[in-house]
Protein backbone atom coordinates (compact mmCIF):
# COMPACT_ATOMS: atom_id res chain seq x y z
CA MET A 1 53.29 77.69 167.31
CA ALA A 2 56.08 79.88 166.15
CA ARG A 3 56.46 83.34 167.61
CA ASP A 4 58.95 86.17 167.81
CA SER A 5 60.83 85.45 170.99
CA ASP A 6 63.68 86.79 173.13
CA ASP A 7 64.18 83.37 174.78
CA LEU A 8 66.11 81.61 172.00
CA ASP A 9 69.19 79.68 173.11
CA THR A 10 70.93 77.89 170.22
CA THR A 11 69.82 79.33 166.90
CA TYR A 12 70.18 79.33 163.21
CA SER A 13 70.76 82.92 162.15
CA PHE A 14 70.45 84.45 158.64
CA ASP A 15 70.57 87.74 156.94
CA ALA A 16 66.92 88.40 156.13
CA LEU A 17 64.16 90.79 155.04
CA ARG A 18 60.89 91.14 156.96
CA GLY A 19 57.60 91.50 155.13
CA MET A 20 53.91 91.16 155.72
CA GLN A 21 51.24 89.09 153.96
CA ALA A 22 47.65 88.67 155.10
CA GLY A 23 48.43 90.53 158.36
CA ARG A 24 51.28 88.06 159.23
CA ASN A 25 55.03 88.60 159.34
CA PHE A 26 57.17 86.55 157.06
CA TYR A 27 60.88 86.47 156.39
CA VAL A 28 63.08 86.01 153.38
CA ALA A 29 66.58 84.65 154.32
CA MET A 30 69.76 83.79 152.48
CA CYS A 31 70.75 80.29 153.48
CA PRO A 32 73.99 78.43 152.55
CA LEU A 33 73.33 75.44 150.46
CA LYS A 34 75.28 73.21 152.84
CA ILE A 35 72.83 73.66 155.63
CA ILE A 36 69.69 73.10 153.51
CA PRO A 37 69.66 69.28 153.94
CA LYS A 38 70.13 69.57 157.67
CA LEU A 39 67.67 72.40 158.14
CA PHE A 40 64.56 70.99 156.60
CA ILE A 41 62.61 67.78 157.18
CA PHE A 42 59.88 66.02 155.14
CA ASN A 43 56.65 64.56 156.43
CA GLU A 44 56.97 60.80 156.83
CA GLU A 45 56.15 59.23 153.47
CA GLU A 46 54.20 56.44 155.05
CA LEU A 47 51.56 58.73 156.50
CA PRO A 48 48.22 59.05 154.62
CA PRO A 49 47.89 62.33 152.57
CA GLN A 50 45.34 63.79 155.06
CA PHE A 51 48.05 63.74 157.69
CA ARG A 52 50.76 65.28 155.60
CA ALA A 53 51.40 68.84 154.39
CA GLN A 54 52.91 68.04 151.02
CA ARG A 55 53.18 65.51 148.26
CA VAL A 56 55.41 62.40 148.55
CA LEU A 57 58.85 62.91 147.16
CA ARG A 58 59.34 61.62 143.63
CA ASP A 59 62.78 60.21 143.59
CA THR A 60 62.77 59.91 139.77
CA ARG A 61 62.94 63.68 139.44
CA ILE A 62 65.95 64.15 141.64
CA PRO A 63 68.84 62.89 139.48
CA SER A 64 68.14 65.33 136.57
CA MET A 65 67.69 68.22 138.97
CA ALA A 66 70.92 67.41 140.84
CA ASN A 67 72.78 66.96 137.50
CA TYR A 68 71.47 70.36 136.34
CA ILE A 69 73.26 72.00 139.30
CA VAL A 70 76.42 69.96 138.96
CA ASN A 71 76.75 70.45 135.17
CA ASN A 72 75.92 74.15 135.27
CA PRO A 73 77.72 75.51 138.36
CA LYS A 74 78.03 78.98 136.78
CA GLU A 75 74.59 79.20 135.40
CA TYR A 76 72.12 77.13 137.46
CA VAL A 77 69.10 78.94 138.87
CA PHE A 78 66.84 77.67 141.70
CA SER A 79 63.83 79.70 142.94
CA SER A 80 63.14 80.22 146.58
CA LEU A 81 62.12 77.46 148.99
CA THR A 82 59.04 78.12 151.12
CA ALA A 83 58.95 76.77 154.69
CA SER A 84 56.92 76.83 157.84
CA VAL A 85 58.54 77.19 161.25
CA ASP A 86 57.00 75.42 164.20
CA GLY A 87 59.09 76.92 166.98
CA ALA A 88 60.60 80.18 168.20
CA MET A 89 61.71 82.89 165.78
CA LYS A 90 63.17 86.29 166.39
CA PHE A 91 63.88 89.10 163.84
CA THR A 92 66.47 91.66 164.85
CA PRO A 93 66.43 94.75 162.61
CA ASP A 94 69.77 96.22 161.66
CA PRO A 95 70.61 99.17 163.88
CA SER A 96 70.90 101.42 160.92
CA VAL A 97 67.22 100.96 159.94
CA GLY A 98 65.61 101.32 163.43
CA SER A 99 63.30 98.99 165.36
CA GLU A 100 60.71 98.92 162.61
CA GLY A 101 63.20 98.23 159.84
CA LYS A 102 62.75 95.47 157.33
CA ILE A 103 66.45 94.53 157.00
CA GLY A 104 68.23 92.50 159.70
CA ARG A 105 68.97 89.03 161.13
CA LEU A 106 66.48 86.18 161.49
CA HIS A 107 67.13 83.82 164.43
CA ILE A 108 65.40 80.42 164.45
CA SER A 109 65.65 78.06 167.44
CA MET A 110 67.38 74.79 166.53
CA GLU A 111 64.64 73.03 168.41
CA SER A 112 62.07 74.31 165.89
CA ARG A 113 60.50 72.01 163.35
CA LEU A 114 60.93 73.37 159.81
CA LEU A 115 58.68 71.99 157.17
CA ILE A 116 59.04 72.71 153.45
CA ASN A 117 55.73 73.85 151.83
CA ASP A 118 57.21 74.38 148.37
CA GLY A 119 60.53 73.10 147.06
CA GLN A 120 61.07 69.66 148.55
CA HIS A 121 62.50 68.33 145.30
CA ARG A 122 64.86 71.27 144.99
CA ARG A 123 66.00 70.54 148.58
CA LYS A 124 66.74 66.93 147.83
CA ALA A 125 68.50 67.84 144.59
CA ILE A 126 70.75 70.24 146.47
CA GLU A 127 71.56 67.44 148.94
CA GLU A 128 72.61 65.09 146.09
CA ALA A 129 74.48 67.80 144.22
CA LEU A 130 76.55 68.53 147.31
CA LYS A 131 77.71 65.05 147.46
CA ILE A 132 79.33 65.46 144.07
CA LYS A 133 80.44 69.07 144.44
CA PRO A 134 80.83 69.93 148.07
CA GLU A 135 82.24 73.32 147.08
CA LEU A 136 78.73 74.46 146.15
CA GLY A 137 77.90 74.45 149.89
CA ASN A 138 78.96 78.06 150.35
CA GLU A 139 76.51 79.33 147.76
CA SER A 140 73.12 80.42 148.82
CA ILE A 141 69.42 80.01 148.09
CA SER A 142 66.57 82.25 149.32
CA VAL A 143 64.15 80.73 151.69
CA VAL A 144 60.77 82.25 152.64
CA PHE A 145 59.91 81.47 156.24
CA PHE A 146 56.30 81.65 157.48
CA THR A 147 54.98 81.12 161.00
CA ASP A 148 53.54 77.61 161.36
CA LYS A 149 49.79 77.51 162.29
CA GLY A 150 49.42 73.89 162.52
CA LEU A 151 48.89 71.11 159.90
CA LYS A 152 45.73 72.60 158.46
CA ARG A 153 47.54 75.85 157.75
CA SER A 154 50.52 74.07 156.16
CA GLN A 155 48.24 72.01 153.95
CA GLN A 156 46.42 75.18 152.84
CA MET A 157 49.70 76.83 152.16
CA PHE A 158 50.75 73.92 149.88
CA ALA A 159 47.48 74.09 148.02
CA ASP A 160 47.65 77.91 147.66
CA LEU A 161 51.25 77.77 146.41
CA ASN A 162 50.53 75.10 143.80
CA LYS A 163 46.98 76.01 142.75
CA HIS A 164 48.05 78.74 140.38
CA ALA A 165 51.37 77.35 139.25
CA VAL A 166 51.27 77.10 135.42
CA LYS A 167 53.94 75.02 133.66
CA PRO A 168 55.39 76.78 130.57
CA THR A 169 54.20 75.51 127.26
CA LYS A 170 56.36 72.96 125.39
CA SER A 171 56.90 75.53 122.61
CA LEU A 172 58.08 78.19 124.96
CA GLY A 173 60.38 75.67 126.77
CA ILE A 174 62.00 74.87 123.37
CA LEU A 175 62.33 78.53 122.50
CA TYR A 176 64.04 79.56 125.73
CA ASP A 177 66.21 76.44 126.21
CA HIS A 178 69.67 77.58 125.18
CA ARG A 179 71.45 74.58 126.64
CA ASP A 180 69.56 72.01 124.57
CA ALA A 181 71.26 71.67 121.21
CA PHE A 182 68.24 70.07 119.52
CA ALA A 183 65.90 72.84 120.78
CA GLN A 184 68.22 75.53 119.43
CA PHE A 185 68.57 73.70 116.12
CA ILE A 186 64.78 73.65 115.73
CA VAL A 187 64.44 77.33 116.56
CA LYS A 188 67.13 78.17 113.98
CA MET A 189 65.61 75.90 111.25
CA VAL A 190 62.18 77.50 111.87
CA ASN A 191 63.70 80.88 111.35
CA ASP A 192 65.66 79.83 108.28
CA LEU A 193 63.09 77.82 106.26
CA ASP A 194 60.60 79.75 104.21
CA ILE A 195 57.73 77.47 105.00
CA PHE A 196 58.14 77.76 108.72
CA HIS A 197 59.48 81.40 109.01
CA ASN A 198 56.92 83.78 110.40
CA ARG A 199 54.27 81.00 110.14
CA THR A 200 55.17 79.30 113.34
CA GLU A 201 53.57 79.80 116.78
CA MET A 202 56.64 80.07 119.04
CA GLU A 203 54.96 80.21 122.34
CA LYS A 204 51.71 78.32 122.44
CA THR A 205 51.06 74.61 121.66
CA SER A 206 47.75 75.34 119.93
CA ILE A 207 46.72 77.84 117.38
CA SER A 208 43.57 80.02 117.62
CA ASN A 209 41.11 80.25 114.71
CA ARG A 210 42.11 83.74 113.77
CA SER A 211 45.83 83.27 114.12
CA THR A 212 48.16 84.04 111.24
CA LYS A 213 50.32 81.07 112.25
CA PHE A 214 50.20 77.69 110.65
CA PHE A 215 52.60 75.53 112.63
CA THR A 216 53.51 75.27 116.32
CA LEU A 217 57.21 75.07 117.45
CA ASN A 218 56.64 72.01 119.52
CA GLY A 219 54.85 70.35 116.54
CA ILE A 220 57.84 70.90 114.30
CA SER A 221 60.17 69.70 117.08
CA ASP A 222 58.18 66.45 117.59
CA ALA A 223 57.90 65.72 113.88
CA THR A 224 61.67 66.32 113.38
CA LYS A 225 62.44 63.92 116.23
CA LEU A 226 60.44 61.30 114.36
CA LEU A 227 62.27 62.17 111.18
CA LEU A 228 65.80 61.84 112.64
CA LYS A 229 65.36 59.45 115.60
CA LEU A 230 68.56 60.79 117.12
CA LYS A 231 69.98 59.03 120.15
CA THR A 232 71.52 62.24 121.55
CA LYS A 233 70.44 65.83 121.67
CA THR A 234 73.37 66.90 119.46
CA VAL A 235 72.37 67.24 115.85
CA PRO A 236 75.23 66.37 113.45
CA PRO A 237 75.68 68.78 110.48
CA GLU A 238 74.60 66.11 108.01
CA SER A 239 71.36 65.59 109.98
CA GLN A 240 70.81 69.35 110.09
CA LYS A 241 71.16 69.62 106.33
CA LEU A 242 68.91 66.54 105.77
CA THR A 243 66.20 67.98 107.92
CA ALA A 244 66.16 71.33 106.23
CA GLU A 245 66.07 69.65 102.81
CA TYR A 246 63.36 67.25 103.82
CA TRP A 247 60.86 69.86 105.17
CA ASP A 248 61.66 72.25 102.21
CA THR A 249 61.00 69.44 99.75
CA VAL A 250 57.71 68.48 101.54
CA SER A 251 56.57 72.05 101.43
CA LYS A 252 57.18 72.28 97.69
CA ASN A 253 55.07 69.10 97.09
CA ILE A 254 51.99 69.94 99.14
CA PRO A 255 49.97 72.27 96.86
CA GLU A 256 48.29 74.13 99.64
CA TRP A 257 51.56 74.81 101.33
CA ASN A 258 52.82 76.32 98.17
CA LEU A 259 49.80 78.67 98.14
CA LEU A 260 50.64 79.52 101.70
CA THR A 261 54.26 80.51 101.00
CA GLN A 262 52.89 82.56 98.00
CA LYS A 263 50.43 84.30 100.35
CA LYS A 264 47.58 83.20 98.11
CA VAL A 265 45.62 81.58 101.01
CA SER A 266 45.38 82.36 104.69
CA PRO A 267 46.42 79.92 107.42
CA SER A 268 42.92 79.93 108.91
CA GLU A 269 41.40 78.77 105.61
CA LEU A 270 43.79 75.75 105.40
CA ARG A 271 43.27 74.86 109.05
CA SER A 272 39.54 74.64 108.60
CA GLU A 273 39.66 72.51 105.37
CA PHE A 274 42.85 70.43 105.33
CA VAL A 275 44.43 67.81 107.67
CA HIS A 276 47.96 68.86 106.86
CA SER A 277 47.60 71.88 109.06
CA HIS A 278 47.53 69.77 112.19
CA THR A 279 50.41 68.31 114.23
CA ASN A 280 49.02 64.76 113.68
CA VAL A 281 49.95 64.95 110.01
CA LEU A 282 53.20 66.69 110.66
CA ASN A 283 54.16 63.86 112.91
CA ALA A 284 53.03 61.40 110.26
CA LEU A 285 55.28 63.29 107.76
CA GLY A 286 58.09 62.89 110.22
CA MET A 287 57.64 59.19 110.30
CA VAL A 288 57.42 59.05 106.53
CA GLY A 289 60.61 61.09 106.25
CA TYR A 290 62.53 58.56 108.44
CA VAL A 291 61.53 55.65 106.20
CA LEU A 292 62.12 57.47 102.83
CA THR A 293 65.44 59.07 103.70
CA ASN A 294 66.81 55.71 105.03
CA LYS A 295 65.32 53.29 102.50
CA TYR A 296 65.77 55.57 99.52
CA PRO A 297 68.77 57.78 100.35
CA ASP A 298 69.35 58.80 96.78
CA SER A 299 65.77 59.00 95.57
CA TRP A 300 63.58 60.19 98.55
CA LYS A 301 63.10 63.63 96.97
CA GLY A 302 61.53 62.15 93.97
CA LYS A 303 59.32 59.88 96.11
CA LEU A 304 57.92 62.95 97.86
CA ARG A 305 56.32 64.04 94.58
CA GLY A 306 53.63 61.53 95.64
CA LEU A 307 52.47 64.18 98.08
CA GLN A 308 50.97 66.10 95.20
CA LYS A 309 48.55 63.13 94.54
CA ILE A 310 47.16 62.98 98.03
CA ASP A 311 43.68 64.37 98.90
CA TRP A 312 44.51 66.39 102.05
CA ALA A 313 40.87 67.56 102.54
CA ARG A 314 39.52 66.89 106.07
CA ASP A 315 36.43 65.21 104.59
CA SER A 316 38.53 62.78 102.44
CA PRO A 317 37.61 59.20 103.43
CA ILE A 318 41.29 58.20 103.49
CA TRP A 319 41.69 59.92 106.83
CA GLU A 320 38.60 58.58 108.54
CA GLY A 321 39.33 56.26 111.41
CA LYS A 322 42.94 57.35 111.41
CA ILE A 323 43.39 60.91 112.38
CA ILE A 324 39.63 61.90 111.79
CA LEU A 325 36.73 60.45 113.60
CA ASP A 326 33.19 61.68 112.61
CA GLY A 327 34.70 64.86 111.24
CA ARG A 328 36.87 65.62 114.29
CA MET A 329 40.61 65.49 114.57
CA MET A 330 41.99 62.98 117.01
CA LYS A 331 45.48 62.31 118.19
CA GLN A 332 46.45 58.67 118.78
CA LYS A 333 49.84 57.11 117.97
CA ALA A 334 48.18 54.30 116.16
CA GLY A 335 46.04 56.66 113.99
CA ILE A 336 49.12 58.78 113.16
CA LYS A 337 51.03 55.59 112.04
CA LYS A 338 48.05 54.60 109.81
CA ALA A 339 48.08 58.11 108.26
CA ALA A 340 51.80 57.81 107.67
CA ASP A 341 51.12 54.45 105.89
CA VAL A 342 48.70 56.22 103.63
CA ILE A 343 51.31 58.83 102.73
CA LEU A 344 53.99 56.11 102.19
CA GLN A 345 51.69 54.25 99.91
CA ARG A 346 51.11 57.39 97.80
CA CYS A 347 54.87 57.92 97.68
CA ASP A 348 55.44 54.43 96.27
CA ALA A 349 57.33 53.17 99.35
CA ASN A 350 55.63 49.82 99.20
CA MET A 351 55.75 49.24 102.90
CA THR A 352 54.13 50.37 106.22
CA ILE A 353 55.74 51.97 109.19
CA ASP A 354 55.52 48.67 111.11
CA GLU A 355 57.02 46.72 108.26
CA TYR A 356 59.97 48.99 108.01
CA GLU A 357 60.59 49.00 111.78
CA LYS A 358 60.50 45.19 111.68
CA SER A 359 63.05 45.14 108.85
CA GLU A 360 65.33 47.51 110.84
CA ALA A 361 65.18 45.16 113.86
CA LYS A 362 66.51 42.24 111.91
């Protein structure tokens, strides 16, 4: 069991702050990156979960995390690691703050067992990044050290630390990702195009009944990926121009979207009565756009006039069994493809999505 001790021989020492949670001292220390791989150990992966204090390391996550550090040496941000110490610890307040001070040096016996409760993938990513850029070793990461109270305590800490963690929504991830060229292109397009401007939910991935928004940022992003099928995240100028023209042309050929831009109907009315207010149909329109703009590069705009002839009502039988089941929207890739086939037929494309994909493969 870890304890404050005066009987430490060989130690790790860090600048640290002392705090208290639930009546127990804990410490926040600045640790050089180069010692992180040596300082912390994992539970043996072959042990059953009930005898471990954390999840098994997922190796597939490590390369992208390591590359993030290596490729952004001036901008990367990693949050604190959280660890339990099974061994002797001593906190020495700085003389300037007195014996009860919160600022000082934390000493941890090198014989202690240090176990990461939160951040094992960050720890491994740091190790891999240092192999590529050893000069990062002198930079620091904050580590929160708790006294170890045995396996049960460590398992509870893991559960508590992860129980309330909430992954940001896909829309918010797109909005805030300034390194992703495609994400920033989508954000700019949404702000520039009349049909999307001020009608797009930029934070959430779903829209409440009373919302004044009609689209979601992640829905537009997914549909545009289906439209362009880019192999990189860089969007060439010609693809940017095509995307803007495509969605603008679509908006002008769906009667209810025209009413929306003219503010003659509310988003909530359209959401309750028409399928084109849902990401399923937006994705289908993305698939349709890929076929039309590639098969009919000079006449796709004219083909899209066929959108005016489609019955977009939720209760229309043409959507049943595709994106509607017994009056309820459903999201399945096969159903979205079938909806795209319906749209292509009305736009006189004379082929299905599968048929076009097969012709491409030849």
